[in-house]
Amino acid sequence: MPRLDHRPSLERVRAARADAYPELGDVIDALCAGVEALAAGQPLPPETQAVLARRQLIKTRYPKSDR
């Protein structure tokens, strides 16, 4: 009897990951603010920290597989 694979397909995982990320412009703005802060010897601003935290959450929630 064939085994059923209930794992999401790679295409669905990729689509879910892409949908979960913030808009590219928002990411660029937050990263630029972070670079400027680091260059000035300041800590990362909250918007940069939020983008980094959201990125990690997405990577945890929708892990890439080697299928």
PDB file of N, CA and C in Angstrom:
ATOM      1  N   MET A   1       0.849  -1.174   0.000  1.00  0.00           N
ATOM      2  CA  MET A   1       0.000   0.000   0.000  1.00  0.00           C
ATOM      3  C   MET A   1       0.901   1.245   0.000  1.00  0.00           C
ATOM      4  N   PRO A   2       0.655   2.195  -0.901  1.00  0.00           N
ATOM      5  CA  PRO A   2       1.492   3.396  -0.936  1.00  0.00           C
ATOM      6  C   PRO A   2       1.277   4.275   0.289  1.00  0.00           C
ATOM      7  N   ARG A   3       2.333   4.925   0.694  1.00  0.00           N
ATOM      8  CA  ARG A   3       2.251   5.833   1.844  1.00  0.00           C
ATOM      9  C   ARG A   3       1.817   7.204   1.366  1.00  0.00           C
ATOM     10  N   LEU A   4       0.974   7.832   2.153  1.00  0.00           N
ATOM     11  CA  LEU A   4       0.534   9.185   1.835  1.00  0.00           C
ATOM     12  C   LEU A   4       1.513  10.184   2.439  1.00  0.00           C
ATOM     13  N   ASP A   5       1.797  11.216   1.693  1.00  0.00           N
ATOM     14  CA  ASP A   5       2.691  12.272   2.172  1.00  0.00           C
ATOM     15  C   ASP A   5       1.833  13.494   2.481  1.00  0.00           C
ATOM     16  N   HIS A   6       1.674  13.788   3.769  1.00  0.00           N
ATOM     17  CA  HIS A   6       0.828  14.912   4.185  1.00  0.00           C
ATOM     18  C   HIS A   6       1.623  16.202   4.360  1.00  0.00           C
ATOM     19  N   ARG A   7       2.913  16.122   4.076  1.00  0.00           N
ATOM     20  CA  ARG A   7       3.714  17.338   4.178  1.00  0.00           C
ATOM     21  C   ARG A   7       3.349  18.287   3.038  1.00  0.00           C
ATOM     22  N   PRO A   8       3.423  19.585   3.305  1.00  0.00           N
ATOM     23  CA  PRO A   8       3.112  20.520   2.224  1.00  0.00           C
ATOM     24  C   PRO A   8       4.145  20.406   1.101  1.00  0.00           C
ATOM     25  N   SER A   9       3.711  20.647  -0.107  1.00  0.00           N
ATOM     26  CA  SER A   9       4.627  20.580  -1.232  1.00  0.00           C
ATOM     27  C   SER A   9       5.621  21.732  -1.152  1.00  0.00           C
ATOM     28  N   LEU A  10       6.745  21.546  -1.773  1.00  0.00           N
ATOM     29  CA  LEU A  10       7.780  22.578  -1.782  1.00  0.00           C
ATOM     30  C   LEU A  10       7.238  23.874  -2.377  1.00  0.00           C
ATOM     31  N   GLU A  11       6.424  23.774  -3.409  1.00  0.00           N
ATOM     32  CA  GLU A  11       5.855  24.963  -4.031  1.00  0.00           C
ATOM     33  C   GLU A  11       4.940  25.713  -3.063  1.00  0.00           C
ATOM     34  N   ARG A  12       4.139  24.968  -2.290  1.00  0.00           N
ATOM     35  CA  ARG A  12       3.247  25.616  -1.319  1.00  0.00           C
ATOM     36  C   ARG A  12       4.030  26.254  -0.188  1.00  0.00           C
ATOM     37  N   VAL A  13       5.099  25.606   0.249  1.00  0.00           N
ATOM     38  CA  VAL A  13       5.930  26.177   1.303  1.00  0.00           C
ATOM     39  C   VAL A  13       6.578  27.462   0.804  1.00  0.00           C
ATOM     40  N   ARG A  14       7.105  27.432  -0.410  1.00  0.00           N
ATOM     41  CA  ARG A  14       7.719  28.641  -0.977  1.00  0.00           C
ATOM     42  C   ARG A  14       6.710  29.778  -1.092  1.00  0.00           C
ATOM     43  N   ALA A  15       5.509  29.469  -1.547  1.00  0.00           N
ATOM     44  CA  ALA A  15       4.470  30.498  -1.678  1.00  0.00           C
ATOM     45  C   ALA A  15       4.086  31.063  -0.314  1.00  0.00           C
ATOM     46  N   ALA A  16       3.963  30.202   0.679  1.00  0.00           N
ATOM     47  CA  ALA A  16       3.601  30.655   2.026  1.00  0.00           C
ATOM     48  C   ALA A  16       4.693  31.541   2.603  1.00  0.00           C
ATOM     49  N   ARG A  17       5.946  31.159   2.389  1.00  0.00           N
ATOM     50  CA  ARG A  17       7.066  31.980   2.866  1.00  0.00           C
ATOM     51  C   ARG A  17       7.046  33.343   2.188  1.00  0.00           C
ATOM     52  N   ALA A  18       6.865  33.355   0.880  1.00  0.00           N
ATOM     53  CA  ALA A  18       6.866  34.612   0.137  1.00  0.00           C
ATOM     54  C   ALA A  18       5.733  35.518   0.601  1.00  0.00           C
ATOM     55  N   ASP A  19       4.566  34.948   0.836  1.00  0.00           N
ATOM     56  CA  ASP A  19       3.413  35.736   1.294  1.00  0.00           C
ATOM     57  C   ASP A  19       3.613  36.291   2.699  1.00  0.00           C
ATOM     58  N   ALA A  20       4.389  35.598   3.511  1.00  0.00           N
ATOM     59  CA  ALA A  20       4.563  35.996   4.910  1.00  0.00           C
ATOM     60  C   ALA A  20       5.559  37.143   5.085  1.00  0.00           C
ATOM     61  N   TYR A  21       6.460  37.290   4.126  1.00  0.00           N
ATOM     62  CA  TYR A  21       7.464  38.352   4.256  1.00  0.00           C
ATOM     63  C   TYR A  21       6.835  39.724   4.038  1.00  0.00           C
ATOM     64  N   PRO A  22       7.389  40.761   4.701  1.00  0.00           N
ATOM     65  CA  PRO A  22       6.895  42.122   4.486  1.00  0.00           C
ATOM     66  C   PRO A  22       7.264  42.607   3.081  1.00  0.00           C
ATOM     67  N   GLU A  23       6.684  43.721   2.704  1.00  0.00           N
ATOM     68  CA  GLU A  23       6.984  44.314   1.400  1.00  0.00           C
ATOM     69  C   GLU A  23       8.477  44.612   1.307  1.00  0.00           C
ATOM     70  N   LEU A  24       9.042  44.440   0.127  1.00  0.00           N
ATOM     71  CA  LEU A  24      10.473  44.624  -0.076  1.00  0.00           C
ATOM     72  C   LEU A  24      10.924  46.039   0.301  1.00  0.00           C
ATOM     73  N   GLY A  25      10.147  47.045  -0.042  1.00  0.00           N
ATOM     74  CA  GLY A  25      10.508  48.418   0.296  1.00  0.00           C
ATOM     75  C   GLY A  25      10.619  48.625   1.794  1.00  0.00           C
ATOM     76  N   ASP A  26       9.711  48.002   2.555  1.00  0.00           N
ATOM     77  CA  ASP A  26       9.758  48.111   4.011  1.00  0.00           C
ATOM     78  C   ASP A  26      11.014  47.440   4.576  1.00  0.00           C
ATOM     79  N   VAL A  27      11.383  46.316   3.980  1.00  0.00           N
ATOM     80  CA  VAL A  27      12.587  45.610   4.426  1.00  0.00           C
ATOM     81  C   VAL A  27      13.822  46.458   4.134  1.00  0.00           C
ATOM     82  N   ILE A  28      13.893  47.014   2.937  1.00  0.00           N
ATOM     83  CA  ILE A  28      15.046  47.842   2.572  1.00  0.00           C
ATOM     84  C   ILE A  28      15.152  49.043   3.501  1.00  0.00           C
ATOM     85  N   ASP A  29      14.035  49.720   3.762  1.00  0.00           N
ATOM     86  CA  ASP A  29      14.056  50.872   4.672  1.00  0.00           C
ATOM     87  C   ASP A  29      14.568  50.477   6.053  1.00  0.00           C
ATOM     88  N   ALA A  30      14.076  49.360   6.582  1.00  0.00           N
ATOM     89  CA  ALA A  30      14.481  48.924   7.920  1.00  0.00           C
ATOM     90  C   ALA A  30      15.960  48.539   7.949  1.00  0.00           C
ATOM     91  N   LEU A  31      16.431  47.867   6.906  1.00  0.00           N
ATOM     92  CA  LEU A  31      17.838  47.472   6.868  1.00  0.00           C
ATOM     93  C   LEU A  31      18.756  48.681   6.703  1.00  0.00           C
ATOM     94  N   CYS A  32      18.342  49.648   5.886  1.00  0.00           N
ATOM     95  CA  CYS A  32      19.139  50.877   5.739  1.00  0.00           C
ATOM     96  C   CYS A  32      19.212  51.625   7.065  1.00  0.00           C
ATOM     97  N   ALA A  33      18.098  51.680   7.780  1.00  0.00           N
ATOM     98  CA  ALA A  33      18.105  52.329   9.090  1.00  0.00           C
ATOM     99  C   ALA A  33      19.050  51.601  10.039  1.00  0.00           C
ATOM    100  N   GLY A  34      19.099  50.285   9.940  1.00  0.00           N
ATOM    101  CA  GLY A  34      20.002  49.504  10.766  1.00  0.00           C
ATOM    102  C   GLY A  34      21.458  49.756  10.426  1.00  0.00           C
ATOM    103  N   VAL A  35      21.765  49.823   9.138  1.00  0.00           N
ATOM    104  CA  VAL A  35      23.145  50.096   8.711  1.00  0.00           C
ATOM    105  C   VAL A  35      23.572  51.483   9.172  1.00  0.00           C
ATOM    106  N   GLU A  36      22.690  52.467   9.002  1.00  0.00           N
ATOM    107  CA  GLU A  36      23.009  53.831   9.445  1.00  0.00           C
ATOM    108  C   GLU A  36      23.252  53.879  10.954  1.00  0.00           C
ATOM    109  N   ALA A  37      22.435  53.175  11.711  1.00  0.00           N
ATOM    110  CA  ALA A  37      22.600  53.153  13.166  1.00  0.00           C
ATOM    111  C   ALA A  37      23.928  52.511  13.544  1.00  0.00           C
ATOM    112  N   LEU A  38      24.254  51.382  12.930  1.00  0.00           N
ATOM    113  CA  LEU A  38      25.511  50.705  13.245  1.00  0.00           C
ATOM    114  C   LEU A  38      26.712  51.579  12.862  1.00  0.00           C
ATOM    115  N   ALA A  39      26.607  52.264  11.731  1.00  0.00           N
ATOM    116  CA  ALA A  39      27.703  53.145  11.305  1.00  0.00           C
ATOM    117  C   ALA A  39      27.911  54.289  12.288  1.00  0.00           C
ATOM    118  N   ALA A  40      26.843  54.707  12.944  1.00  0.00           N
ATOM    119  CA  ALA A  40      26.917  55.788  13.929  1.00  0.00           C
ATOM    120  C   ALA A  40      27.212  55.264  15.335  1.00  0.00           C
ATOM    121  N   GLY A  41      27.428  53.961  15.454  1.00  0.00           N
ATOM    122  CA  GLY A  41      27.726  53.377  16.755  1.00  0.00           C
ATOM    123  C   GLY A  41      26.522  53.255  17.662  1.00  0.00           C
ATOM    124  N   GLN A  42      25.338  53.218  17.064  1.00  0.00           N
ATOM    125  CA  GLN A  42      24.094  53.117  17.828  1.00  0.00           C
ATOM    126  C   GLN A  42      23.517  51.706  17.702  1.00  0.00           C
ATOM    127  N   PRO A  43      22.628  51.346  18.616  1.00  0.00           N
ATOM    128  CA  PRO A  43      21.983  50.023  18.501  1.00  0.00           C
ATOM    129  C   PRO A  43      20.996  50.002  17.325  1.00  0.00           C
ATOM    130  N   LEU A  44      20.629  48.796  16.941  1.00  0.00           N
ATOM    131  CA  LEU A  44      19.658  48.659  15.850  1.00  0.00           C
ATOM    132  C   LEU A  44      18.328  49.296  16.244  1.00  0.00           C
ATOM    133  N   PRO A  45      17.720  50.038  15.323  1.00  0.00           N
ATOM    134  CA  PRO A  45      16.423  50.635  15.619  1.00  0.00           C
ATOM    135  C   PRO A  45      15.331  49.557  15.699  1.00  0.00           C
ATOM    136  N   PRO A  46      14.228  49.884  16.357  1.00  0.00           N
ATOM    137  CA  PRO A  46      13.151  48.905  16.524  1.00  0.00           C
ATOM    138  C   PRO A  46      12.629  48.332  15.200  1.00  0.00           C
ATOM    139  N   GLU A  47      12.542  49.150  14.142  1.00  0.00           N
ATOM    140  CA  GLU A  47      12.014  48.631  12.869  1.00  0.00           C
ATOM    141  C   GLU A  47      12.961  47.592  12.264  1.00  0.00           C
ATOM    142  N   THR A  48      14.252  47.764  12.454  1.00  0.00           N
ATOM    143  CA  THR A  48      15.209  46.772  11.957  1.00  0.00           C
ATOM    144  C   THR A  48      15.105  45.489  12.779  1.00  0.00           C
ATOM    145  N   GLN A  49      15.007  45.637  14.080  1.00  0.00           N
ATOM    146  CA  GLN A  49      14.857  44.466  14.945  1.00  0.00           C
ATOM    147  C   GLN A  49      13.575  43.706  14.603  1.00  0.00           C
ATOM    148  N   ALA A  50      12.513  44.437  14.297  1.00  0.00           N
ATOM    149  CA  ALA A  50      11.233  43.796  13.964  1.00  0.00           C
ATOM    150  C   ALA A  50      11.338  43.001  12.666  1.00  0.00           C
ATOM    151  N   VAL A  51      12.007  43.563  11.659  1.00  0.00           N
ATOM    152  CA  VAL A  51      12.174  42.850  10.389  1.00  0.00           C
ATOM    153  C   VAL A  51      13.004  41.587  10.600  1.00  0.00           C
ATOM    154  N   LEU A  52      14.065  41.685  11.373  1.00  0.00           N
ATOM    155  CA  LEU A  52      14.903  40.512  11.638  1.00  0.00           C
ATOM    156  C   LEU A  52      14.138  39.443  12.419  1.00  0.00           C
ATOM    157  N   ALA A  53      13.337  39.864  13.389  1.00  0.00           N
ATOM    158  CA  ALA A  53      12.544  38.911  14.173  1.00  0.00           C
ATOM    159  C   ALA A  53      11.486  38.240  13.299  1.00  0.00           C
ATOM    160  N   ARG A  54      10.846  39.018  12.436  1.00  0.00           N
ATOM    161  CA  ARG A  54       9.818  38.444  11.550  1.00  0.00           C
ATOM    162  C   ARG A  54      10.450  37.453  10.587  1.00  0.00           C
ATOM    163  N   ARG A  55      11.635  37.785  10.080  1.00  0.00           N
ATOM    164  CA  ARG A  55      12.343  36.877   9.172  1.00  0.00           C
ATOM    165  C   ARG A  55      12.611  35.546   9.853  1.00  0.00           C
ATOM    166  N   GLN A  56      13.089  35.590  11.094  1.00  0.00           N
ATOM    167  CA  GLN A  56      13.379  34.353  11.809  1.00  0.00           C
ATOM    168  C   GLN A  56      12.105  33.553  12.075  1.00  0.00           C
ATOM    169  N   LEU A  57      11.029  34.244  12.421  1.00  0.00           N
ATOM    170  CA  LEU A  57       9.748  33.572  12.639  1.00  0.00           C
ATOM    171  C   LEU A  57       9.280  32.848  11.377  1.00  0.00           C
ATOM    172  N   ILE A  58       9.406  33.494  10.238  1.00  0.00           N
ATOM    173  CA  ILE A  58       8.990  32.894   8.964  1.00  0.00           C
ATOM    174  C   ILE A  58       9.852  31.677   8.655  1.00  0.00           C
ATOM    175  N   LYS A  59      11.151  31.793   8.873  1.00  0.00           N
ATOM    176  CA  LYS A  59      12.043  30.663   8.607  1.00  0.00           C
ATOM    177  C   LYS A  59      11.732  29.477   9.527  1.00  0.00           C
ATOM    178  N   THR A  60      11.313  29.770  10.750  1.00  0.00           N
ATOM    179  CA  THR A  60      10.942  28.703  11.682  1.00  0.00           C
ATOM    180  C   THR A  60       9.600  28.089  11.299  1.00  0.00           C
ATOM    181  N   ARG A  61       8.642  28.932  10.958  1.00  0.00           N
ATOM    182  CA  ARG A  61       7.298  28.452  10.645  1.00  0.00           C
ATOM    183  C   ARG A  61       7.254  27.700   9.321  1.00  0.00           C
ATOM    184  N   TYR A  62       8.036  28.139   8.347  1.00  0.00           N
ATOM    185  CA  TYR A  62       8.048  27.531   7.009  1.00  0.00           C
ATOM    186  C   TYR A  62       9.468  27.086   6.651  1.00  0.00           C
ATOM    187  N   PRO A  63       9.946  26.034   7.292  1.00  0.00           N
ATOM    188  CA  PRO A  63      11.330  25.612   7.011  1.00  0.00           C
ATOM    189  C   PRO A  63      11.481  25.088   5.587  1.00  0.00           C
ATOM    190  N   LYS A  64      12.650  25.347   5.034  1.00  0.00           N
ATOM    191  CA  LYS A  64      12.949  24.781   3.727  1.00  0.00           C
ATOM    192  C   LYS A  64      13.273  23.313   3.930  1.00  0.00           C
ATOM    193  N   SER A  65      12.935  22.515   2.946  1.00  0.00           N
ATOM    194  CA  SER A  65      13.268  21.099   3.045  1.00  0.00           C
ATOM    195  C   SER A  65      14.195  20.743   1.882  1.00  0.00           C
ATOM    196  N   ASP A  66      14.822  19.614   1.996  1.00  0.00           N
ATOM    197  CA  ASP A  66      15.764  19.165   0.959  1.00  0.00           C
ATOM    198  C   ASP A  66      15.104  18.182   0.000  1.00  0.00           C
ATOM    199  N   ARG A  67      13.769  18.256  -0.086  1.00  0.00           N
ATOM    200  CA  ARG A  67      13.068  17.320  -0.977  1.00  0.00           C
ATOM    201  C   ARG A  67      13.309  17.663  -2.405  1.00  0.00           C
TER     202      ARG A  67
END
